Amino acid sequence: MNLVEYLPILLFLILGTVVGVVPMLIGKLISPSLPDSEKLSTYECGFEPFEDARMQFDIRYYLVAILFILFDLEIAFLFPWAVAFKDLDYFGLVSMMIFLGILVIGFLYEWAKGALDWE
């Protein structure tokens, strides 16, 4: 075994470690660390923790998350369709319009039922 053959792998590992570790070390060394009660408070969900971790959440958090995932997946289907649009011809256009129509009908139904209202 010749060590010269493994030199690219070794350089890749060293460079990957440097790129991953050095920015974290620089940030830790030069960033100001002045914690106070405002910075240490919770901010993720909008309210202070006041009960057990198994408390009930408002269902609207979950509805918004599901709606985000649904319409995010819609965009994920639109990109490949747009790239291959010339090759799909009329069938591709009709199938995507049916797909978008179903999503619009679902969106209008959710809107009519008040799933998007935040009181």
N, C-alpha and C. Protein backbone atom coordinates (compact mmCIF):
# COMPACT_ATOMS: atom_id res chain seq x y z
N MET A 1 0.84 -1.19 0.00
CA MET A 1 0.00 0.00 0.00
C MET A 1 0.88 1.25 0.00
N ASN A 2 0.56 2.12 -0.87
CA ASN A 2 1.30 3.35 -0.98
C ASN A 2 0.50 4.46 -0.31
N LEU A 3 1.12 5.21 0.57
CA LEU A 3 0.42 6.27 1.29
C LEU A 3 0.02 7.43 0.39
N VAL A 4 0.66 7.58 -0.74
CA VAL A 4 0.33 8.64 -1.68
C VAL A 4 -1.08 8.43 -2.25
N GLU A 5 -1.50 7.17 -2.36
CA GLU A 5 -2.84 6.88 -2.87
C GLU A 5 -3.93 7.39 -1.92
N TYR A 6 -3.64 7.44 -0.64
CA TYR A 6 -4.63 7.86 0.35
C TYR A 6 -4.54 9.35 0.67
N LEU A 7 -3.62 10.06 0.04
CA LEU A 7 -3.46 11.49 0.30
C LEU A 7 -4.72 12.30 -0.03
N PRO A 8 -5.41 12.07 -1.15
CA PRO A 8 -6.65 12.83 -1.40
C PRO A 8 -7.72 12.60 -0.33
N ILE A 9 -7.84 11.38 0.14
CA ILE A 9 -8.83 11.09 1.19
C ILE A 9 -8.46 11.80 2.48
N LEU A 10 -7.18 11.77 2.83
CA LEU A 10 -6.72 12.44 4.03
C LEU A 10 -6.93 13.95 3.93
N LEU A 11 -6.62 14.53 2.78
CA LEU A 11 -6.83 15.96 2.59
C LEU A 11 -8.32 16.31 2.66
N PHE A 12 -9.17 15.46 2.10
CA PHE A 12 -10.61 15.68 2.16
C PHE A 12 -11.10 15.66 3.61
N LEU A 13 -10.65 14.72 4.40
CA LEU A 13 -11.06 14.65 5.81
C LEU A 13 -10.55 15.86 6.59
N ILE A 14 -9.33 16.25 6.36
CA ILE A 14 -8.77 17.41 7.08
C ILE A 14 -9.51 18.67 6.68
N LEU A 15 -9.72 18.88 5.38
CA LEU A 15 -10.41 20.08 4.92
C LEU A 15 -11.86 20.10 5.42
N GLY A 16 -12.53 18.96 5.41
CA GLY A 16 -13.89 18.90 5.92
C GLY A 16 -13.97 19.22 7.39
N THR A 17 -13.02 18.74 8.17
CA THR A 17 -12.98 19.04 9.59
C THR A 17 -12.69 20.52 9.83
N VAL A 18 -11.77 21.08 9.07
CA VAL A 18 -11.44 22.50 9.22
C VAL A 18 -12.64 23.37 8.86
N VAL A 19 -13.30 23.05 7.75
CA VAL A 19 -14.46 23.85 7.33
C VAL A 19 -15.60 23.73 8.33
N GLY A 20 -15.74 22.59 8.99
CA GLY A 20 -16.81 22.40 9.95
C GLY A 20 -16.52 22.95 11.33
N VAL A 21 -15.27 22.90 11.76
CA VAL A 21 -14.94 23.26 13.14
C VAL A 21 -14.46 24.71 13.27
N VAL A 22 -13.68 25.18 12.35
CA VAL A 22 -13.09 26.52 12.47
C VAL A 22 -14.15 27.63 12.55
N PRO A 23 -15.20 27.65 11.72
CA PRO A 23 -16.20 28.71 11.88
C PRO A 23 -16.89 28.68 13.24
N MET A 24 -17.11 27.50 13.79
CA MET A 24 -17.73 27.43 15.12
C MET A 24 -16.78 27.98 16.19
N LEU A 25 -15.51 27.67 16.07
CA LEU A 25 -14.54 28.18 17.04
C LEU A 25 -14.39 29.69 16.93
N ILE A 26 -14.36 30.20 15.71
CA ILE A 26 -14.27 31.65 15.52
C ILE A 26 -15.49 32.34 16.10
N GLY A 27 -16.67 31.80 15.85
CA GLY A 27 -17.89 32.37 16.40
C GLY A 27 -17.90 32.34 17.91
N LYS A 28 -17.42 31.28 18.50
CA LYS A 28 -17.37 31.16 19.96
C LYS A 28 -16.38 32.15 20.56
N LEU A 29 -15.28 32.37 19.87
CA LEU A 29 -14.24 33.25 20.41
C LEU A 29 -14.57 34.73 20.27
N ILE A 30 -15.17 35.15 19.15
CA ILE A 30 -15.36 36.59 18.94
C ILE A 30 -16.78 37.08 19.23
N SER A 31 -17.72 36.16 19.45
CA SER A 31 -19.09 36.62 19.71
C SER A 31 -19.24 37.06 21.16
N PRO A 32 -20.02 38.12 21.38
CA PRO A 32 -20.26 38.55 22.76
C PRO A 32 -21.19 37.56 23.47
N SER A 33 -20.89 37.30 24.70
CA SER A 33 -21.73 36.39 25.49
C SER A 33 -22.24 37.15 26.70
N LEU A 34 -23.38 37.78 26.53
CA LEU A 34 -23.98 38.56 27.61
C LEU A 34 -25.41 38.07 27.86
N PRO A 35 -25.57 36.91 28.46
CA PRO A 35 -26.92 36.40 28.66
C PRO A 35 -27.67 37.21 29.72
N ASP A 36 -28.93 37.46 29.44
CA ASP A 36 -29.80 38.09 30.43
C ASP A 36 -31.14 37.35 30.39
N SER A 37 -32.07 37.78 31.20
CA SER A 37 -33.34 37.07 31.29
C SER A 37 -34.11 37.13 29.98
N GLU A 38 -33.98 38.21 29.23
CA GLU A 38 -34.69 38.33 27.95
C GLU A 38 -34.16 37.33 26.93
N LYS A 39 -32.83 37.17 26.86
CA LYS A 39 -32.25 36.25 25.90
C LYS A 39 -32.47 34.79 26.29
N LEU A 40 -32.56 34.52 27.57
CA LEU A 40 -32.73 33.15 28.02
C LEU A 40 -34.19 32.72 28.08
N SER A 41 -35.11 33.62 27.79
CA SER A 41 -36.53 33.27 27.85
C SER A 41 -36.93 32.46 26.61
N THR A 42 -38.08 31.79 26.71
CA THR A 42 -38.55 30.99 25.59
C THR A 42 -39.14 31.89 24.52
N TYR A 43 -39.02 31.50 23.27
CA TYR A 43 -39.53 32.31 22.18
C TYR A 43 -40.11 31.48 21.05
N GLU A 44 -39.97 30.18 21.10
CA GLU A 44 -40.37 29.33 19.98
C GLU A 44 -41.88 29.33 19.74
N CYS A 45 -42.66 29.14 20.79
CA CYS A 45 -44.08 28.93 20.59
C CYS A 45 -44.92 30.13 21.00
N GLY A 46 -44.33 31.16 21.56
CA GLY A 46 -45.07 32.38 21.84
C GLY A 46 -45.59 32.52 23.24
N PHE A 47 -45.45 31.52 24.09
CA PHE A 47 -45.91 31.69 25.46
C PHE A 47 -44.92 31.03 26.41
N GLU A 48 -44.93 31.51 27.63
CA GLU A 48 -44.01 31.01 28.64
C GLU A 48 -44.44 29.61 29.08
N PRO A 49 -43.48 28.74 29.39
CA PRO A 49 -43.86 27.43 29.93
C PRO A 49 -44.40 27.59 31.34
N PHE A 50 -45.57 27.09 31.57
CA PHE A 50 -46.17 27.27 32.88
C PHE A 50 -46.78 25.99 33.43
N GLU A 51 -46.75 24.92 32.65
CA GLU A 51 -47.32 23.67 33.10
C GLU A 51 -46.39 22.51 32.76
N ASP A 52 -46.96 21.35 32.84
CA ASP A 52 -46.25 20.13 32.51
C ASP A 52 -45.94 20.09 31.01
N ALA A 53 -44.95 19.34 30.63
CA ALA A 53 -44.58 19.22 29.22
C ALA A 53 -45.65 18.52 28.40
N ARG A 54 -46.55 17.81 29.05
CA ARG A 54 -47.62 17.10 28.35
C ARG A 54 -48.91 17.91 28.27
N MET A 55 -48.81 19.23 28.37
CA MET A 55 -50.01 20.06 28.29
C MET A 55 -50.54 20.07 26.86
N GLN A 56 -51.79 20.45 26.70
CA GLN A 56 -52.42 20.45 25.39
C GLN A 56 -52.05 21.72 24.64
N PHE A 57 -51.75 21.55 23.36
CA PHE A 57 -51.49 22.69 22.48
C PHE A 57 -52.76 23.02 21.72
N ASP A 58 -52.82 24.23 21.26
CA ASP A 58 -53.93 24.64 20.41
C ASP A 58 -53.79 23.93 19.07
N ILE A 59 -54.88 23.42 18.56
CA ILE A 59 -54.87 22.64 17.32
C ILE A 59 -54.45 23.49 16.13
N ARG A 60 -54.56 24.80 16.24
CA ARG A 60 -54.21 25.67 15.11
C ARG A 60 -52.73 25.59 14.75
N TYR A 61 -51.87 25.31 15.74
CA TYR A 61 -50.45 25.13 15.44
C TYR A 61 -50.27 23.97 14.46
N TYR A 62 -50.97 22.88 14.71
CA TYR A 62 -50.85 21.71 13.86
C TYR A 62 -51.48 21.95 12.48
N LEU A 63 -52.60 22.66 12.45
CA LEU A 63 -53.24 22.95 11.17
C LEU A 63 -52.34 23.79 10.28
N VAL A 64 -51.71 24.79 10.86
CA VAL A 64 -50.82 25.64 10.08
C VAL A 64 -49.63 24.82 9.57
N ALA A 65 -49.10 23.94 10.41
CA ALA A 65 -47.97 23.11 9.99
C ALA A 65 -48.36 22.17 8.86
N ILE A 66 -49.54 21.56 8.95
CA ILE A 66 -49.99 20.65 7.90
C ILE A 66 -50.25 21.40 6.60
N LEU A 67 -50.83 22.59 6.71
CA LEU A 67 -51.07 23.38 5.50
C LEU A 67 -49.75 23.79 4.85
N PHE A 68 -48.77 24.14 5.65
CA PHE A 68 -47.47 24.50 5.11
C PHE A 68 -46.86 23.31 4.37
N ILE A 69 -46.92 22.14 4.96
CA ILE A 69 -46.35 20.95 4.32
C ILE A 69 -47.09 20.65 3.02
N LEU A 70 -48.40 20.77 3.04
CA LEU A 70 -49.20 20.49 1.85
C LEU A 70 -48.81 21.39 0.69
N PHE A 71 -48.74 22.69 0.93
CA PHE A 71 -48.44 23.61 -0.16
C PHE A 71 -46.95 23.63 -0.49
N ASP A 72 -46.12 23.21 0.43
CA ASP A 72 -44.71 23.05 0.12
C ASP A 72 -44.51 21.88 -0.84
N LEU A 73 -45.24 20.81 -0.62
CA LEU A 73 -45.17 19.67 -1.54
C LEU A 73 -45.73 20.01 -2.91
N GLU A 74 -46.71 20.89 -2.93
CA GLU A 74 -47.24 21.33 -4.23
C GLU A 74 -46.13 21.98 -5.05
N ILE A 75 -45.36 22.82 -4.43
CA ILE A 75 -44.25 23.47 -5.14
C ILE A 75 -43.21 22.44 -5.57
N ALA A 76 -42.99 21.42 -4.74
CA ALA A 76 -42.03 20.38 -5.11
C ALA A 76 -42.49 19.61 -6.34
N PHE A 77 -43.80 19.50 -6.56
CA PHE A 77 -44.30 18.85 -7.78
C PHE A 77 -44.29 19.80 -8.97
N LEU A 78 -44.36 21.09 -8.73
CA LEU A 78 -44.41 22.03 -9.84
C LEU A 78 -43.05 22.21 -10.53
N PHE A 79 -41.96 22.12 -9.81
CA PHE A 79 -40.64 22.33 -10.41
C PHE A 79 -40.31 21.30 -11.49
N PRO A 80 -40.42 20.00 -11.21
CA PRO A 80 -40.12 19.05 -12.30
C PRO A 80 -41.09 19.16 -13.46
N TRP A 81 -42.34 19.48 -13.17
CA TRP A 81 -43.33 19.66 -14.24
C TRP A 81 -42.93 20.83 -15.13
N ALA A 82 -42.48 21.93 -14.52
CA ALA A 82 -42.09 23.10 -15.30
C ALA A 82 -40.85 22.82 -16.15
N VAL A 83 -39.93 22.02 -15.62
CA VAL A 83 -38.71 21.70 -16.37
C VAL A 83 -39.05 20.83 -17.59
N ALA A 84 -39.95 19.88 -17.42
CA ALA A 84 -40.29 18.96 -18.50
C ALA A 84 -41.54 19.37 -19.25
N PHE A 85 -41.94 20.62 -19.16
CA PHE A 85 -43.21 21.07 -19.73
C PHE A 85 -43.26 20.87 -21.25
N LYS A 86 -42.18 21.16 -21.95
CA LYS A 86 -42.18 21.03 -23.42
C LYS A 86 -42.35 19.58 -23.86
N ASP A 87 -41.83 18.65 -23.08
CA ASP A 87 -41.92 17.24 -23.45
C ASP A 87 -43.26 16.61 -23.08
N LEU A 88 -44.00 17.23 -22.17
CA LEU A 88 -45.25 16.62 -21.68
C LEU A 88 -46.43 16.87 -22.61
N ASP A 89 -46.40 17.91 -23.38
CA ASP A 89 -47.45 18.23 -24.33
C ASP A 89 -48.77 18.54 -23.61
N TYR A 90 -49.87 18.30 -24.27
CA TYR A 90 -51.19 18.66 -23.75
C TYR A 90 -51.57 17.84 -22.53
N PHE A 91 -51.20 16.56 -22.50
CA PHE A 91 -51.52 15.69 -21.37
C PHE A 91 -50.89 16.21 -20.08
N GLY A 92 -49.66 16.68 -20.15
CA GLY A 92 -48.98 17.23 -18.96
C GLY A 92 -49.67 18.47 -18.44
N LEU A 93 -50.12 19.32 -19.35
CA LEU A 93 -50.83 20.54 -18.94
C LEU A 93 -52.15 20.20 -18.25
N VAL A 94 -52.92 19.29 -18.85
CA VAL A 94 -54.22 18.93 -18.28
C VAL A 94 -54.05 18.25 -16.93
N SER A 95 -53.10 17.35 -16.81
CA SER A 95 -52.90 16.65 -15.53
C SER A 95 -52.48 17.62 -14.43
N MET A 96 -51.63 18.61 -14.75
CA MET A 96 -51.22 19.57 -13.73
C MET A 96 -52.37 20.50 -13.37
N MET A 97 -53.19 20.87 -14.33
CA MET A 97 -54.34 21.72 -14.02
C MET A 97 -55.34 20.98 -13.13
N ILE A 98 -55.50 19.68 -13.33
CA ILE A 98 -56.36 18.89 -12.45
C ILE A 98 -55.77 18.85 -11.04
N PHE A 99 -54.47 18.63 -10.95
CA PHE A 99 -53.78 18.60 -9.65
C PHE A 99 -53.94 19.94 -8.93
N LEU A 100 -53.68 21.03 -9.62
CA LEU A 100 -53.81 22.36 -9.01
C LEU A 100 -55.27 22.67 -8.68
N GLY A 101 -56.20 22.21 -9.50
CA GLY A 101 -57.61 22.43 -9.21
C GLY A 101 -58.04 21.73 -7.94
N ILE A 102 -57.58 20.51 -7.72
CA ILE A 102 -57.89 19.80 -6.49
C ILE A 102 -57.32 20.53 -5.28
N LEU A 103 -56.09 21.03 -5.42
CA LEU A 103 -55.50 21.78 -4.31
C LEU A 103 -56.24 23.09 -4.04
N VAL A 104 -56.68 23.78 -5.07
CA VAL A 104 -57.42 25.03 -4.89
C VAL A 104 -58.76 24.75 -4.23
N ILE A 105 -59.43 23.69 -4.64
CA ILE A 105 -60.71 23.33 -4.02
C ILE A 105 -60.49 23.02 -2.53
N GLY A 106 -59.43 22.29 -2.22
CA GLY A 106 -59.12 22.00 -0.81
C GLY A 106 -58.80 23.26 -0.02
N PHE A 107 -58.06 24.16 -0.64
CA PHE A 107 -57.72 25.42 0.02
C PHE A 107 -58.98 26.26 0.28
N LEU A 108 -59.86 26.34 -0.71
CA LEU A 108 -61.10 27.10 -0.52
C LEU A 108 -61.99 26.46 0.55
N TYR A 109 -62.01 25.14 0.61
CA TYR A 109 -62.77 24.45 1.64
C TYR A 109 -62.23 24.78 3.03
N GLU A 110 -60.90 24.74 3.19
CA GLU A 110 -60.30 25.07 4.48
C GLU A 110 -60.56 26.52 4.86
N TRP A 111 -60.51 27.38 3.88
CA TRP A 111 -60.77 28.80 4.12
C TRP A 111 -62.22 29.00 4.56
N ALA A 112 -63.15 28.32 3.90
CA ALA A 112 -64.57 28.45 4.24
C ALA A 112 -64.87 27.88 5.62
N LYS A 113 -64.18 26.83 6.02
CA LYS A 113 -64.40 26.22 7.33
C LYS A 113 -63.71 27.00 8.46
N GLY A 114 -62.87 27.98 8.11
CA GLY A 114 -62.21 28.81 9.13
C GLY A 114 -60.92 28.24 9.65
N ALA A 115 -60.31 27.30 8.94
CA ALA A 115 -59.05 26.71 9.40
C ALA A 115 -57.91 27.73 9.35
N LEU A 116 -58.05 28.76 8.56
CA LEU A 116 -56.98 29.75 8.43
C LEU A 116 -57.19 30.96 9.34
N ASP A 117 -58.31 31.02 10.04
CA ASP A 117 -58.57 32.15 10.94
C ASP A 117 -57.81 31.95 12.24
N TRP A 118 -57.13 32.99 12.66
CA TRP A 118 -56.37 32.93 13.89
C TRP A 118 -56.95 33.98 14.84
N GLU A 119 -57.62 33.52 15.86
CA GLU A 119 -58.32 34.44 16.76
C GLU A 119 -57.52 34.70 18.01
